[in-house]
């Protein structure tokens, strides 16, 4: 049985929001606090996705001629770089902001995983 890619992509994103970003862990109990937490989490997810896209472009340029394509490990990105990338947005000095961003991107591009084409494992039917 082959799962459509669009369905799989949505499931992965939902799982990522729920477990990695702890979307259900609200800091308040009022509807406004819950909405703020929800939108802040979605915004953070979008920031991380943009950082991932930029790091993947850098990785593609640096890893030309290798056997496999490489991409950023999203788990490492979320766990280790969330605070650094948020600090970039709060920094007023453009030079410091650039230094923080470059440092974060350097760390992100060091944590790559190879993409092996046509790699699939047979699914077991539940008994």
PDB file of N, CA and C in Angstrom:
ATOM      1  N   UNK A   1       0.846  -1.183   0.000  1.00  0.00           N
ATOM      2  CA  UNK A   1       0.000   0.000   0.000  1.00  0.00           C
ATOM      3  C   UNK A   1       0.889   1.243   0.000  1.00  0.00           C
ATOM      4  N   UNK A   2       0.643   2.128  -0.916  1.00  0.00           N
ATOM      5  CA  UNK A   2       1.439   3.346  -1.014  1.00  0.00           C
ATOM      6  C   UNK A   2       0.621   4.529  -0.499  1.00  0.00           C
ATOM      7  N   UNK A   3       1.209   5.305   0.390  1.00  0.00           N
ATOM      8  CA  UNK A   3       0.530   6.455   0.985  1.00  0.00           C
ATOM      9  C   UNK A   3       0.802   7.679   0.113  1.00  0.00           C
ATOM     10  N   UNK A   4      -0.226   8.448  -0.241  1.00  0.00           N
ATOM     11  CA  UNK A   4       0.012   9.657  -1.034  1.00  0.00           C
ATOM     12  C   UNK A   4       0.927  10.633  -0.310  1.00  0.00           C
ATOM     13  N   UNK A   5       1.820  11.241  -1.051  1.00  0.00           N
ATOM     14  CA  UNK A   5       2.832  12.129  -0.474  1.00  0.00           C
ATOM     15  C   UNK A   5       2.215  13.325   0.247  1.00  0.00           C
ATOM     16  N   UNK A   6       1.152  13.885  -0.306  1.00  0.00           N
ATOM     17  CA  UNK A   6       0.528  15.055   0.310  1.00  0.00           C
ATOM     18  C   UNK A   6      -0.003  14.712   1.707  1.00  0.00           C
ATOM     19  N   UNK A   7      -0.622  13.567   1.854  1.00  0.00           N
ATOM     20  CA  UNK A   7      -1.125  13.131   3.150  1.00  0.00           C
ATOM     21  C   UNK A   7       0.023  12.948   4.133  1.00  0.00           C
ATOM     22  N   UNK A   8       1.097  12.307   3.677  1.00  0.00           N
ATOM     23  CA  UNK A   8       2.259  12.059   4.523  1.00  0.00           C
ATOM     24  C   UNK A   8       2.881  13.374   4.985  1.00  0.00           C
ATOM     25  N   UNK A   9       2.993  14.347   4.087  1.00  0.00           N
ATOM     26  CA  UNK A   9       3.575  15.645   4.425  1.00  0.00           C
ATOM     27  C   UNK A   9       2.763  16.345   5.505  1.00  0.00           C
ATOM     28  N   UNK A  10       1.451  16.284   5.376  1.00  0.00           N
ATOM     29  CA  UNK A  10       0.595  16.914   6.392  1.00  0.00           C
ATOM     30  C   UNK A  10       0.739  16.223   7.744  1.00  0.00           C
ATOM     31  N   UNK A  11       0.795  14.905   7.731  1.00  0.00           N
ATOM     32  CA  UNK A  11       0.934  14.164   8.973  1.00  0.00           C
ATOM     33  C   UNK A  11       2.260  14.485   9.657  1.00  0.00           C
ATOM     34  N   UNK A  12       3.331  14.597   8.892  1.00  0.00           N
ATOM     35  CA  UNK A  12       4.642  14.913   9.454  1.00  0.00           C
ATOM     36  C   UNK A  12       4.626  16.308  10.065  1.00  0.00           C
ATOM     37  N   UNK A  13       4.016  17.272   9.381  1.00  0.00           N
ATOM     38  CA  UNK A  13       3.959  18.643   9.900  1.00  0.00           C
ATOM     39  C   UNK A  13       3.136  18.692  11.189  1.00  0.00           C
ATOM     40  N   UNK A  14       2.007  17.999  11.212  1.00  0.00           N
ATOM     41  CA  UNK A  14       1.178  17.970  12.406  1.00  0.00           C
ATOM     42  C   UNK A  14       1.939  17.346  13.570  1.00  0.00           C
ATOM     43  N   UNK A  15       2.619  16.241  13.307  1.00  0.00           N
ATOM     44  CA  UNK A  15       3.408  15.574  14.343  1.00  0.00           C
ATOM     45  C   UNK A  15       4.512  16.491  14.854  1.00  0.00           C
ATOM     46  N   UNK A  16       5.142  17.209  13.945  1.00  0.00           N
ATOM     47  CA  UNK A  16       6.208  18.132  14.317  1.00  0.00           C
ATOM     48  C   UNK A  16       5.661  19.250  15.206  1.00  0.00           C
ATOM     49  N   UNK A  17       4.532  19.829  14.832  1.00  0.00           N
ATOM     50  CA  UNK A  17       3.934  20.898  15.638  1.00  0.00           C
ATOM     51  C   UNK A  17       3.536  20.385  17.018  1.00  0.00           C
ATOM     52  N   UNK A  18       3.006  19.191  17.055  1.00  0.00           N
ATOM     53  CA  UNK A  18       2.511  18.656  18.321  1.00  0.00           C
ATOM     54  C   UNK A  18       3.638  18.221  19.249  1.00  0.00           C
ATOM     55  N   UNK A  19       4.618  17.520  18.723  1.00  0.00           N
ATOM     56  CA  UNK A  19       5.642  16.963  19.605  1.00  0.00           C
ATOM     57  C   UNK A  19       6.882  17.843  19.738  1.00  0.00           C
ATOM     58  N   UNK A  20       7.383  18.391  18.665  1.00  0.00           N
ATOM     59  CA  UNK A  20       8.623  19.175  18.737  1.00  0.00           C
ATOM     60  C   UNK A  20       8.390  20.586  19.286  1.00  0.00           C
ATOM     61  N   UNK A  21       7.325  21.221  18.803  1.00  0.00           N
ATOM     62  CA  UNK A  21       7.028  22.590  19.247  1.00  0.00           C
ATOM     63  C   UNK A  21       6.089  22.633  20.442  1.00  0.00           C
ATOM     64  N   UNK A  22       5.561  21.473  20.839  1.00  0.00           N
ATOM     65  CA  UNK A  22       4.635  21.355  21.966  1.00  0.00           C
ATOM     66  C   UNK A  22       3.461  22.324  21.814  1.00  0.00           C
ATOM     67  N   UNK A  23       2.784  22.207  20.696  1.00  0.00           N
ATOM     68  CA  UNK A  23       1.678  23.095  20.358  1.00  0.00           C
ATOM     69  C   UNK A  23       0.575  23.085  21.414  1.00  0.00           C
ATOM     70  N   UNK A  24       0.361  21.952  22.052  1.00  0.00           N
ATOM     71  CA  UNK A  24      -0.717  21.852  23.035  1.00  0.00           C
ATOM     72  C   UNK A  24      -0.335  22.356  24.419  1.00  0.00           C
ATOM     73  N   UNK A  25       0.913  22.764  24.606  1.00  0.00           N
ATOM     74  CA  UNK A  25       1.386  23.229  25.906  1.00  0.00           C
ATOM     75  C   UNK A  25       1.195  24.745  25.985  1.00  0.00           C
ATOM     76  N   UNK A  26       0.018  25.171  26.409  1.00  0.00           N
ATOM     77  CA  UNK A  26      -0.312  26.590  26.457  1.00  0.00           C
ATOM     78  C   UNK A  26       0.189  27.222  27.751  1.00  0.00           C
ATOM     79  N   UNK A  27       0.551  28.503  27.683  1.00  0.00           N
ATOM     80  CA  UNK A  27       1.063  29.193  28.862  1.00  0.00           C
ATOM     81  C   UNK A  27      -0.045  29.889  29.647  1.00  0.00           C
ATOM     82  N   UNK A  28      -1.238  29.936  29.108  1.00  0.00           N
ATOM     83  CA  UNK A  28      -2.353  30.582  29.788  1.00  0.00           C
ATOM     84  C   UNK A  28      -3.623  29.778  29.618  1.00  0.00           C
ATOM     85  N   UNK A  29      -4.693  30.263  30.260  1.00  0.00           N
ATOM     86  CA  UNK A  29      -5.963  29.545  30.182  1.00  0.00           C
ATOM     87  C   UNK A  29      -7.045  30.351  29.472  1.00  0.00           C
ATOM     88  N   UNK A  30      -6.813  31.634  29.261  1.00  0.00           N
ATOM     89  CA  UNK A  30      -7.809  32.453  28.582  1.00  0.00           C
ATOM     90  C   UNK A  30      -7.733  32.203  27.076  1.00  0.00           C
ATOM     91  N   UNK A  31      -8.841  32.434  26.390  1.00  0.00           N
ATOM     92  CA  UNK A  31      -8.826  32.237  24.933  1.00  0.00           C
ATOM     93  C   UNK A  31      -7.766  33.085  24.216  1.00  0.00           C
ATOM     94  N   UNK A  32      -7.538  34.296  24.676  1.00  0.00           N
ATOM     95  CA  UNK A  32      -6.531  35.159  24.038  1.00  0.00           C
ATOM     96  C   UNK A  32      -5.129  34.586  24.241  1.00  0.00           C
ATOM     97  N   UNK A  33      -4.826  34.100  25.441  1.00  0.00           N
ATOM     98  CA  UNK A  33      -3.501  33.512  25.703  1.00  0.00           C
ATOM     99  C   UNK A  33      -3.287  32.265  24.856  1.00  0.00           C
ATOM    100  N   UNK A  34      -4.324  31.460  24.726  1.00  0.00           N
ATOM    101  CA  UNK A  34      -4.216  30.243  23.912  1.00  0.00           C
ATOM    102  C   UNK A  34      -3.996  30.606  22.450  1.00  0.00           C
ATOM    103  N   UNK A  35      -4.735  31.593  21.950  1.00  0.00           N
ATOM    104  CA  UNK A  35      -4.559  32.022  20.558  1.00  0.00           C
ATOM    105  C   UNK A  35      -3.155  32.589  20.335  1.00  0.00           C
ATOM    106  N   UNK A  36      -2.660  33.369  21.285  1.00  0.00           N
ATOM    107  CA  UNK A  36      -1.302  33.922  21.163  1.00  0.00           C
ATOM    108  C   UNK A  36      -0.270  32.806  21.112  1.00  0.00           C
ATOM    109  N   UNK A  37      -0.397  31.826  21.985  1.00  0.00           N
ATOM    110  CA  UNK A  37       0.536  30.695  21.980  1.00  0.00           C
ATOM    111  C   UNK A  37       0.460  29.923  20.668  1.00  0.00           C
ATOM    112  N   UNK A  38      -0.756  29.714  20.183  1.00  0.00           N
ATOM    113  CA  UNK A  38      -0.932  28.987  18.933  1.00  0.00           C
ATOM    114  C   UNK A  38      -0.263  29.722  17.768  1.00  0.00           C
ATOM    115  N   UNK A  39      -0.557  31.005  17.626  1.00  0.00           N
ATOM    116  CA  UNK A  39       0.003  31.767  16.509  1.00  0.00           C
ATOM    117  C   UNK A  39       1.513  31.958  16.648  1.00  0.00           C
ATOM    118  N   UNK A  40       1.998  32.108  17.865  1.00  0.00           N
ATOM    119  CA  UNK A  40       3.449  32.213  18.070  1.00  0.00           C
ATOM    120  C   UNK A  40       4.142  30.914  17.676  1.00  0.00           C
ATOM    121  N   UNK A  41       3.527  29.776  17.979  1.00  0.00           N
ATOM    122  CA  UNK A  41       4.102  28.482  17.611  1.00  0.00           C
ATOM    123  C   UNK A  41       4.119  28.304  16.097  1.00  0.00           C
ATOM    124  N   UNK A  42       3.035  28.687  15.441  1.00  0.00           N
ATOM    125  CA  UNK A  42       2.981  28.593  13.981  1.00  0.00           C
ATOM    126  C   UNK A  42       4.018  29.524  13.359  1.00  0.00           C
ATOM    127  N   UNK A  43       4.152  30.725  13.903  1.00  0.00           N
ATOM    128  CA  UNK A  43       5.151  31.680  13.402  1.00  0.00           C
ATOM    129  C   UNK A  43       6.563  31.112  13.572  1.00  0.00           C
ATOM    130  N   UNK A  44       6.849  30.530  14.731  1.00  0.00           N
ATOM    131  CA  UNK A  44       8.154  29.920  14.975  1.00  0.00           C
ATOM    132  C   UNK A  44       8.406  28.767  14.003  1.00  0.00           C
ATOM    133  N   UNK A  45       7.380  27.986  13.745  1.00  0.00           N
ATOM    134  CA  UNK A  45       7.500  26.890  12.781  1.00  0.00           C
ATOM    135  C   UNK A  45       7.855  27.422  11.392  1.00  0.00           C
ATOM    136  N   UNK A  46       7.233  28.521  11.003  1.00  0.00           N
ATOM    137  CA  UNK A  46       7.535  29.125   9.700  1.00  0.00           C
ATOM    138  C   UNK A  46       8.966  29.662   9.643  1.00  0.00           C
ATOM    139  N   UNK A  47       9.436  30.261  10.731  1.00  0.00           N
ATOM    140  CA  UNK A  47      10.818  30.746  10.791  1.00  0.00           C
ATOM    141  C   UNK A  47      11.790  29.581  10.613  1.00  0.00           C
ATOM    142  N   UNK A  48      11.516  28.485  11.313  1.00  0.00           N
ATOM    143  CA  UNK A  48      12.389  27.316  11.215  1.00  0.00           C
ATOM    144  C   UNK A  48      12.362  26.717   9.810  1.00  0.00           C
ATOM    145  N   UNK A  49      11.204  26.741   9.174  1.00  0.00           N
ATOM    146  CA  UNK A  49      11.102  26.221   7.813  1.00  0.00           C
ATOM    147  C   UNK A  49      11.906  27.082   6.840  1.00  0.00           C
ATOM    148  N   UNK A  50      11.865  28.401   7.034  1.00  0.00           N
ATOM    149  CA  UNK A  50      12.670  29.289   6.177  1.00  0.00           C
ATOM    150  C   UNK A  50      14.163  29.066   6.411  1.00  0.00           C
ATOM    151  N   UNK A  51      14.560  28.893   7.672  1.00  0.00           N
ATOM    152  CA  UNK A  51      15.969  28.620   7.975  1.00  0.00           C
ATOM    153  C   UNK A  51      16.395  27.295   7.360  1.00  0.00           C
ATOM    154  N   UNK A  52      15.504  26.313   7.413  1.00  0.00           N
ATOM    155  CA  UNK A  52      15.794  25.007   6.820  1.00  0.00           C
ATOM    156  C   UNK A  52      15.977  25.131   5.310  1.00  0.00           C
ATOM    157  N   UNK A  53      15.112  25.889   4.652  1.00  0.00           N
ATOM    158  CA  UNK A  53      15.213  26.054   3.200  1.00  0.00           C
ATOM    159  C   UNK A  53      16.532  26.718   2.811  1.00  0.00           C
ATOM    160  N   UNK A  54      16.914  27.741   3.556  1.00  0.00           N
ATOM    161  CA  UNK A  54      18.183  28.417   3.255  1.00  0.00           C
ATOM    162  C   UNK A  54      19.374  27.499   3.513  1.00  0.00           C
ATOM    163  N   UNK A  55      19.320  26.750   4.601  1.00  0.00           N
ATOM    164  CA  UNK A  55      20.412  25.832   4.921  1.00  0.00           C
ATOM    165  C   UNK A  55      20.488  24.701   3.887  1.00  0.00           C
ATOM    166  N   UNK A  56      19.336  24.250   3.395  1.00  0.00           N
ATOM    167  CA  UNK A  56      19.345  23.213   2.361  1.00  0.00           C
ATOM    168  C   UNK A  56      19.985  23.722   1.073  1.00  0.00           C
ATOM    169  N   UNK A  57      19.742  24.980   0.727  1.00  0.00           N
ATOM    170  CA  UNK A  57      20.385  25.569  -0.457  1.00  0.00           C
ATOM    171  C   UNK A  57      21.902  25.630  -0.279  1.00  0.00           C
ATOM    172  N   UNK A  58      22.337  26.027   0.909  1.00  0.00           N
ATOM    173  CA  UNK A  58      23.772  26.076   1.203  1.00  0.00           C
ATOM    174  C   UNK A  58      24.371  24.676   1.148  1.00  0.00           C
ATOM    175  N   UNK A  59      23.657  23.709   1.712  1.00  0.00           N
ATOM    176  CA  UNK A  59      24.149  22.326   1.710  1.00  0.00           C
ATOM    177  C   UNK A  59      24.251  21.801   0.287  1.00  0.00           C
ATOM    178  N   UNK A  60      23.280  22.150  -0.551  1.00  0.00           N
ATOM    179  CA  UNK A  60      23.290  21.688  -1.939  1.00  0.00           C
ATOM    180  C   UNK A  60      24.529  22.217  -2.667  1.00  0.00           C
ATOM    181  N   UNK A  61      24.902  23.455  -2.399  1.00  0.00           N
ATOM    182  CA  UNK A  61      26.088  24.038  -3.036  1.00  0.00           C
ATOM    183  C   UNK A  61      27.374  23.410  -2.515  1.00  0.00           C
ATOM    184  N   UNK A  62      27.412  23.120  -1.218  1.00  0.00           N
ATOM    185  CA  UNK A  62      28.633  22.590  -0.599  1.00  0.00           C
ATOM    186  C   UNK A  62      28.837  21.095  -0.832  1.00  0.00           C
ATOM    187  N   UNK A  63      27.783  20.369  -1.133  1.00  0.00           N
ATOM    188  CA  UNK A  63      27.868  18.917  -1.242  1.00  0.00           C
ATOM    189  C   UNK A  63      27.750  18.418  -2.687  1.00  0.00           C
ATOM    190  N   UNK A  64      28.087  19.247  -3.654  1.00  0.00           N
ATOM    191  CA  UNK A  64      28.006  18.828  -5.056  1.00  0.00           C
ATOM    192  C   UNK A  64      29.012  17.718  -5.333  1.00  0.00           C
ATOM    193  N   UNK A  65      28.607  16.764  -6.151  1.00  0.00           N
ATOM    194  CA  UNK A  65      29.489  15.676  -6.541  1.00  0.00           C
ATOM    195  C   UNK A  65      29.492  14.489  -5.608  1.00  0.00           C
ATOM    196  N   UNK A  66      28.702  14.520  -4.551  1.00  0.00           N
ATOM    197  CA  UNK A  66      28.633  13.385  -3.642  1.00  0.00           C
ATOM    198  C   UNK A  66      27.563  12.402  -4.108  1.00  0.00           C
ATOM    199  N   UNK A  67      27.594  11.218  -3.570  1.00  0.00           N
ATOM    200  CA  UNK A  67      26.693  10.160  -4.000  1.00  0.00           C
ATOM    201  C   UNK A  67      25.234  10.483  -3.690  1.00  0.00           C
ATOM    202  N   UNK A  68      24.960  10.997  -2.517  1.00  0.00           N
ATOM    203  CA  UNK A  68      23.596  11.283  -2.102  1.00  0.00           C
ATOM    204  C   UNK A  68      23.374  12.780  -1.952  1.00  0.00           C
ATOM    205  N   UNK A  69      22.115  13.151  -2.011  1.00  0.00           N
ATOM    206  CA  UNK A  69      21.722  14.518  -1.701  1.00  0.00           C
ATOM    207  C   UNK A  69      21.624  14.632  -0.181  1.00  0.00           C
ATOM    208  N   UNK A  70      21.919  15.795   0.362  1.00  0.00           N
ATOM    209  CA  UNK A  70      21.854  15.998   1.806  1.00  0.00           C
ATOM    210  C   UNK A  70      20.837  17.075   2.141  1.00  0.00           C
ATOM    211  N   UNK A  71      20.195  16.921   3.294  1.00  0.00           N
ATOM    212  CA  UNK A  71      19.255  17.928   3.759  1.00  0.00           C
ATOM    213  C   UNK A  71      19.434  18.126   5.262  1.00  0.00           C
ATOM    214  N   UNK A  72      18.859  19.197   5.759  1.00  0.00           N
ATOM    215  CA  UNK A  72      18.994  19.564   7.168  1.00  0.00           C
ATOM    216  C   UNK A  72      18.168  18.623   8.032  1.00  0.00           C
ATOM    217  N   UNK A  73      18.739  18.234   9.164  1.00  0.00           N
ATOM    218  CA  UNK A  73      18.031  17.435  10.150  1.00  0.00           C
ATOM    219  C   UNK A  73      17.130  18.377  10.949  1.00  0.00           C
ATOM    220  N   UNK A  74      15.835  18.312  10.700  1.00  0.00           N
ATOM    221  CA  UNK A  74      14.888  19.248  11.310  1.00  0.00           C
ATOM    222  C   UNK A  74      14.822  19.105  12.825  1.00  0.00           C
ATOM    223  N   UNK A  75      15.017  17.906  13.349  1.00  0.00           N
ATOM    224  CA  UNK A  75      14.985  17.720  14.803  1.00  0.00           C
ATOM    225  C   UNK A  75      16.092  18.519  15.477  1.00  0.00           C
ATOM    226  N   UNK A  76      17.290  18.473  14.916  1.00  0.00           N
ATOM    227  CA  UNK A  76      18.413  19.239  15.474  1.00  0.00           C
ATOM    228  C   UNK A  76      18.153  20.729  15.329  1.00  0.00           C
ATOM    229  N   UNK A  77      17.609  21.118  14.186  1.00  0.00           N
ATOM    230  CA  UNK A  77      17.305  22.527  13.953  1.00  0.00           C
ATOM    231  C   UNK A  77      16.369  23.060  15.017  1.00  0.00           C
ATOM    232  N   UNK A  78      15.305  22.355  15.280  1.00  0.00           N
ATOM    233  CA  UNK A  78      14.316  22.821  16.258  1.00  0.00           C
ATOM    234  C   UNK A  78      14.899  22.824  17.665  1.00  0.00           C
ATOM    235  N   UNK A  79      15.564  21.757  18.036  1.00  0.00           N
ATOM    236  CA  UNK A  79      16.064  21.638  19.403  1.00  0.00           C
ATOM    237  C   UNK A  79      17.172  22.629  19.732  1.00  0.00           C
ATOM    238  N   UNK A  80      18.085  22.826  18.802  1.00  0.00           N
ATOM    239  CA  UNK A  80      19.279  23.599  19.135  1.00  0.00           C
ATOM    240  C   UNK A  80      19.257  25.059  18.678  1.00  0.00           C
ATOM    241  N   UNK A  81      18.452  25.394  17.689  1.00  0.00           N
ATOM    242  CA  UNK A  81      18.563  26.722  17.108  1.00  0.00           C
ATOM    243  C   UNK A  81      17.356  27.629  17.314  1.00  0.00           C
ATOM    244  N   UNK A  82      16.334  27.163  17.983  1.00  0.00           N
ATOM    245  CA  UNK A  82      15.137  27.976  18.185  1.00  0.00           C
ATOM    246  C   UNK A  82      15.469  29.291  18.886  1.00  0.00           C
ATOM    247  N   UNK A  83      16.156  29.217  19.992  1.00  0.00           N
ATOM    248  CA  UNK A  83      16.463  30.434  20.758  1.00  0.00           C
ATOM    249  C   UNK A  83      17.390  31.382  19.997  1.00  0.00           C
ATOM    250  N   UNK A  84      18.346  30.813  19.268  1.00  0.00           N
ATOM    251  CA  UNK A  84      19.285  31.660  18.526  1.00  0.00           C
ATOM    252  C   UNK A  84      18.582  32.425  17.418  1.00  0.00           C
ATOM    253  N   UNK A  85      17.709  31.747  16.686  1.00  0.00           N
ATOM    254  CA  UNK A  85      17.003  32.423  15.594  1.00  0.00           C
ATOM    255  C   UNK A  85      15.998  33.447  16.115  1.00  0.00           C
ATOM    256  N   UNK A  86      15.382  33.163  17.251  1.00  0.00           N
ATOM    257  CA  UNK A  86      14.477  34.155  17.853  1.00  0.00           C
ATOM    258  C   UNK A  86      15.280  35.371  18.307  1.00  0.00           C
ATOM    259  N   UNK A  87      16.459  35.139  18.869  1.00  0.00           N
ATOM    260  CA  UNK A  87      17.314  36.251  19.307  1.00  0.00           C
ATOM    261  C   UNK A  87      17.697  37.145  18.130  1.00  0.00           C
ATOM    262  N   UNK A  88      17.816  36.569  16.947  1.00  0.00           N
ATOM    263  CA  UNK A  88      18.121  37.370  15.755  1.00  0.00           C
ATOM    264  C   UNK A  88      17.038  38.423  15.507  1.00  0.00           C
ATOM    265  N   UNK A  89      15.787  38.051  15.721  1.00  0.00           N
ATOM    266  CA  UNK A  89      14.692  38.982  15.471  1.00  0.00           C
ATOM    267  C   UNK A  89      14.595  40.079  16.523  1.00  0.00           C
ATOM    268  N   UNK A  90      15.069  39.808  17.723  1.00  0.00           N
ATOM    269  CA  UNK A  90      15.010  40.807  18.788  1.00  0.00           C
ATOM    270  C   UNK A  90      16.228  41.717  18.826  1.00  0.00           C
ATOM    271  N   UNK A  91      17.262  41.364  18.098  1.00  0.00           N
ATOM    272  CA  UNK A  91      18.492  42.158  18.102  1.00  0.00           C
ATOM    273  C   UNK A  91      18.305  43.425  17.267  1.00  0.00           C
ATOM    274  N   UNK A  92      18.644  44.578  17.874  1.00  0.00           N
ATOM    275  CA  UNK A  92      18.499  45.856  17.172  1.00  0.00           C
ATOM    276  C   UNK A  92      19.684  46.166  16.266  1.00  0.00           C
ATOM    277  N   UNK A  93      20.867  45.752  16.670  1.00  0.00           N
ATOM    278  CA  UNK A  93      22.075  46.043  15.903  1.00  0.00           C
ATOM    279  C   UNK A  93      22.172  45.094  14.699  1.00  0.00           C
ATOM    280  N   UNK A  94      22.174  45.636  13.478  1.00  0.00           N
ATOM    281  CA  UNK A  94      22.217  44.771  12.289  1.00  0.00           C
ATOM    282  C   UNK A  94      23.468  43.892  12.218  1.00  0.00           C
ATOM    283  N   UNK A  95      24.609  44.394  12.688  1.00  0.00           N
ATOM    284  CA  UNK A  95      25.830  43.588  12.644  1.00  0.00           C
ATOM    285  C   UNK A  95      25.725  42.388  13.582  1.00  0.00           C
ATOM    286  N   UNK A  96      25.230  42.613  14.798  1.00  0.00           N
ATOM    287  CA  UNK A  96      25.069  41.517  15.748  1.00  0.00           C
ATOM    288  C   UNK A  96      24.034  40.513  15.243  1.00  0.00           C
ATOM    289  N   UNK A  97      22.973  41.043  14.614  1.00  0.00           N
ATOM    290  CA  UNK A  97      21.934  40.173  14.065  1.00  0.00           C
ATOM    291  C   UNK A  97      22.519  39.271  12.982  1.00  0.00           C
ATOM    292  N   UNK A  98      23.344  39.838  12.123  1.00  0.00           N
ATOM    293  CA  UNK A  98      23.974  39.068  11.056  1.00  0.00           C
ATOM    294  C   UNK A  98      24.917  38.017  11.625  1.00  0.00           C
ATOM    295  N   UNK A  99      25.664  38.381  12.657  1.00  0.00           N
ATOM    296  CA  UNK A  99      26.587  37.429  13.284  1.00  0.00           C
ATOM    297  C   UNK A  99      25.814  36.266  13.908  1.00  0.00           C
ATOM    298  N   UNK A 100      24.731  36.580  14.631  1.00  0.00           N
ATOM    299  CA  UNK A 100      23.905  35.532  15.234  1.00  0.00           C
ATOM    300  C   UNK A 100      23.314  34.611  14.170  1.00  0.00           C
ATOM    301  N   UNK A 101      22.789  35.211  13.094  1.00  0.00           N
ATOM    302  CA  UNK A 101      22.173  34.421  12.036  1.00  0.00           C
ATOM    303  C   UNK A 101      23.205  33.534  11.344  1.00  0.00           C
ATOM    304  N   UNK A 102      24.373  34.088  11.038  1.00  0.00           N
ATOM    305  CA  UNK A 102      25.423  33.299  10.382  1.00  0.00           C
ATOM    306  C   UNK A 102      25.901  32.149  11.269  1.00  0.00           C
ATOM    307  N   UNK A 103      26.004  32.413  12.572  1.00  0.00           N
ATOM    308  CA  UNK A 103      26.396  31.366  13.512  1.00  0.00           C
ATOM    309  C   UNK A 103      25.364  30.247  13.527  1.00  0.00           C
ATOM    310  N   UNK A 104      24.086  30.625  13.583  1.00  0.00           N
ATOM    311  CA  UNK A 104      23.013  29.624  13.582  1.00  0.00           C
ATOM    312  C   UNK A 104      23.027  28.818  12.286  1.00  0.00           C
ATOM    313  N   UNK A 105      23.179  29.496  11.156  1.00  0.00           N
ATOM    314  CA  UNK A 105      23.180  28.786   9.870  1.00  0.00           C
ATOM    315  C   UNK A 105      24.392  27.873   9.744  1.00  0.00           C
ATOM    316  N   UNK A 106      25.515  28.263  10.311  1.00  0.00           N
ATOM    317  CA  UNK A 106      26.701  27.419  10.290  1.00  0.00           C
ATOM    318  C   UNK A 106      26.460  26.123  11.054  1.00  0.00           C
ATOM    319  N   UNK A 107      25.838  26.238  12.217  1.00  0.00           N
ATOM    320  CA  UNK A 107      25.539  25.054  13.020  1.00  0.00           C
ATOM    321  C   UNK A 107      24.496  24.174  12.324  1.00  0.00           C
ATOM    322  N   UNK A 108      23.501  24.814  11.733  1.00  0.00           N
ATOM    323  CA  UNK A 108      22.443  24.064  11.053  1.00  0.00           C
ATOM    324  C   UNK A 108      23.011  23.259   9.888  1.00  0.00           C
ATOM    325  N   UNK A 109      23.878  23.864   9.091  1.00  0.00           N
ATOM    326  CA  UNK A 109      24.402  23.168   7.911  1.00  0.00           C
ATOM    327  C   UNK A 109      25.406  22.074   8.262  1.00  0.00           C
ATOM    328  N   UNK A 110      25.841  22.014   9.508  1.00  0.00           N
ATOM    329  CA  UNK A 110      26.724  20.923   9.926  1.00  0.00           C
ATOM    330  C   UNK A 110      25.936  19.672  10.298  1.00  0.00           C
ATOM    331  N   UNK A 111      24.652  19.816  10.548  1.00  0.00           N
ATOM    332  CA  UNK A 111      23.800  18.694  10.940  1.00  0.00           C
ATOM    333  C   UNK A 111      22.936  18.258   9.769  1.00  0.00           C
ATOM    334  N   UNK A 112      23.545  17.581   8.826  1.00  0.00           N
ATOM    335  CA  UNK A 112      22.848  17.141   7.624  1.00  0.00           C
ATOM    336  C   UNK A 112      22.648  15.631   7.649  1.00  0.00           C
ATOM    337  N   UNK A 113      21.615  15.195   6.967  1.00  0.00           N
ATOM    338  CA  UNK A 113      21.364  13.764   6.789  1.00  0.00           C
ATOM    339  C   UNK A 113      21.238  13.494   5.294  1.00  0.00           C
ATOM    340  N   UNK A 114      21.663  12.307   4.886  1.00  0.00           N
ATOM    341  CA  UNK A 114      21.596  11.978   3.466  1.00  0.00           C
ATOM    342  C   UNK A 114      20.198  11.523   3.088  1.00  0.00           C
ATOM    343  N   UNK A 115      19.816  11.860   1.860  1.00  0.00           N
ATOM    344  CA  UNK A 115      18.539  11.445   1.317  1.00  0.00           C
ATOM    345  C   UNK A 115      18.823  10.307   0.351  1.00  0.00           C
ATOM    346  N   UNK A 116      18.357   9.120   0.696  1.00  0.00           N
ATOM    347  CA  UNK A 116      18.600   7.945  -0.140  1.00  0.00           C
ATOM    348  C   UNK A 116      17.359   7.669  -0.978  1.00  0.00           C
ATOM    349  N   UNK A 117      17.478   7.785  -2.294  1.00  0.00           N
ATOM    350  CA  UNK A 117      16.292   7.600  -3.142  1.00  0.00           C
ATOM    351  C   UNK A 117      15.815   6.147  -3.152  1.00  0.00           C
ATOM    352  N   UNK A 118      14.523   5.998  -3.416  1.00  0.00           N
ATOM    353  CA  UNK A 118      13.883   4.680  -3.521  1.00  0.00           C
ATOM    354  C   UNK A 118      14.103   3.825  -2.276  1.00  0.00           C
ATOM    355  N   UNK A 119      14.129   4.464  -1.134  1.00  0.00           N
ATOM    356  CA  UNK A 119      14.302   3.723   0.108  1.00  0.00           C
ATOM    357  C   UNK A 119      12.936   3.593   0.767  1.00  0.00           C
ATOM    358  N   UNK A 120      12.468   2.388   0.851  1.00  0.00           N
ATOM    359  CA  UNK A 120      11.192   2.153   1.519  1.00  0.00           C
ATOM    360  C   UNK A 120      11.258   0.797   2.213  1.00  0.00           C
ATOM    361  N   UNK A 121      10.486   0.686   3.220  1.00  0.00           N
ATOM    362  CA  UNK A 121      10.425  -0.547   3.982  1.00  0.00           C
ATOM    363  C   UNK A 121       8.993  -1.071   3.918  1.00  0.00           C
ATOM    364  N   UNK A 122       8.836  -2.367   3.779  1.00  0.00           N
ATOM    365  CA  UNK A 122       7.467  -2.903   3.726  1.00  0.00           C
ATOM    366  C   UNK A 122       6.748  -2.682   5.053  1.00  0.00           C
ATOM    367  N   UNK A 123       5.494  -2.307   4.951  1.00  0.00           N
ATOM    368  CA  UNK A 123       4.704  -2.083   6.156  1.00  0.00           C
ATOM    369  C   UNK A 123       4.085  -3.394   6.606  1.00  0.00           C
ATOM    370  N   UNK A 124       4.087  -3.583   7.910  1.00  0.00           N
ATOM    371  CA  UNK A 124       3.471  -4.784   8.475  1.00  0.00           C
ATOM    372  C   UNK A 124       1.986  -4.527   8.669  1.00  0.00           C
ATOM    373  N   UNK A 125       1.201  -5.489   8.333  1.00  0.00           N
ATOM    374  CA  UNK A 125      -0.231  -5.395   8.564  1.00  0.00           C
ATOM    375  C   UNK A 125      -0.503  -5.666  10.030  1.00  0.00           C
ATOM    376  N   UNK A 126      -1.387  -4.886  10.647  1.00  0.00           N
ATOM    377  CA  UNK A 126      -1.712  -5.153  12.051  1.00  0.00           C
ATOM    378  C   UNK A 126      -2.389  -6.517  12.190  1.00  0.00           C
ATOM    379  N   UNK A 127      -2.039  -7.215  13.236  1.00  0.00           N
ATOM    380  CA  UNK A 127      -2.617  -8.554  13.401  1.00  0.00           C
ATOM    381  C   UNK A 127      -3.810  -8.559  14.322  1.00  0.00           C
TER     382      UNK A 127
END
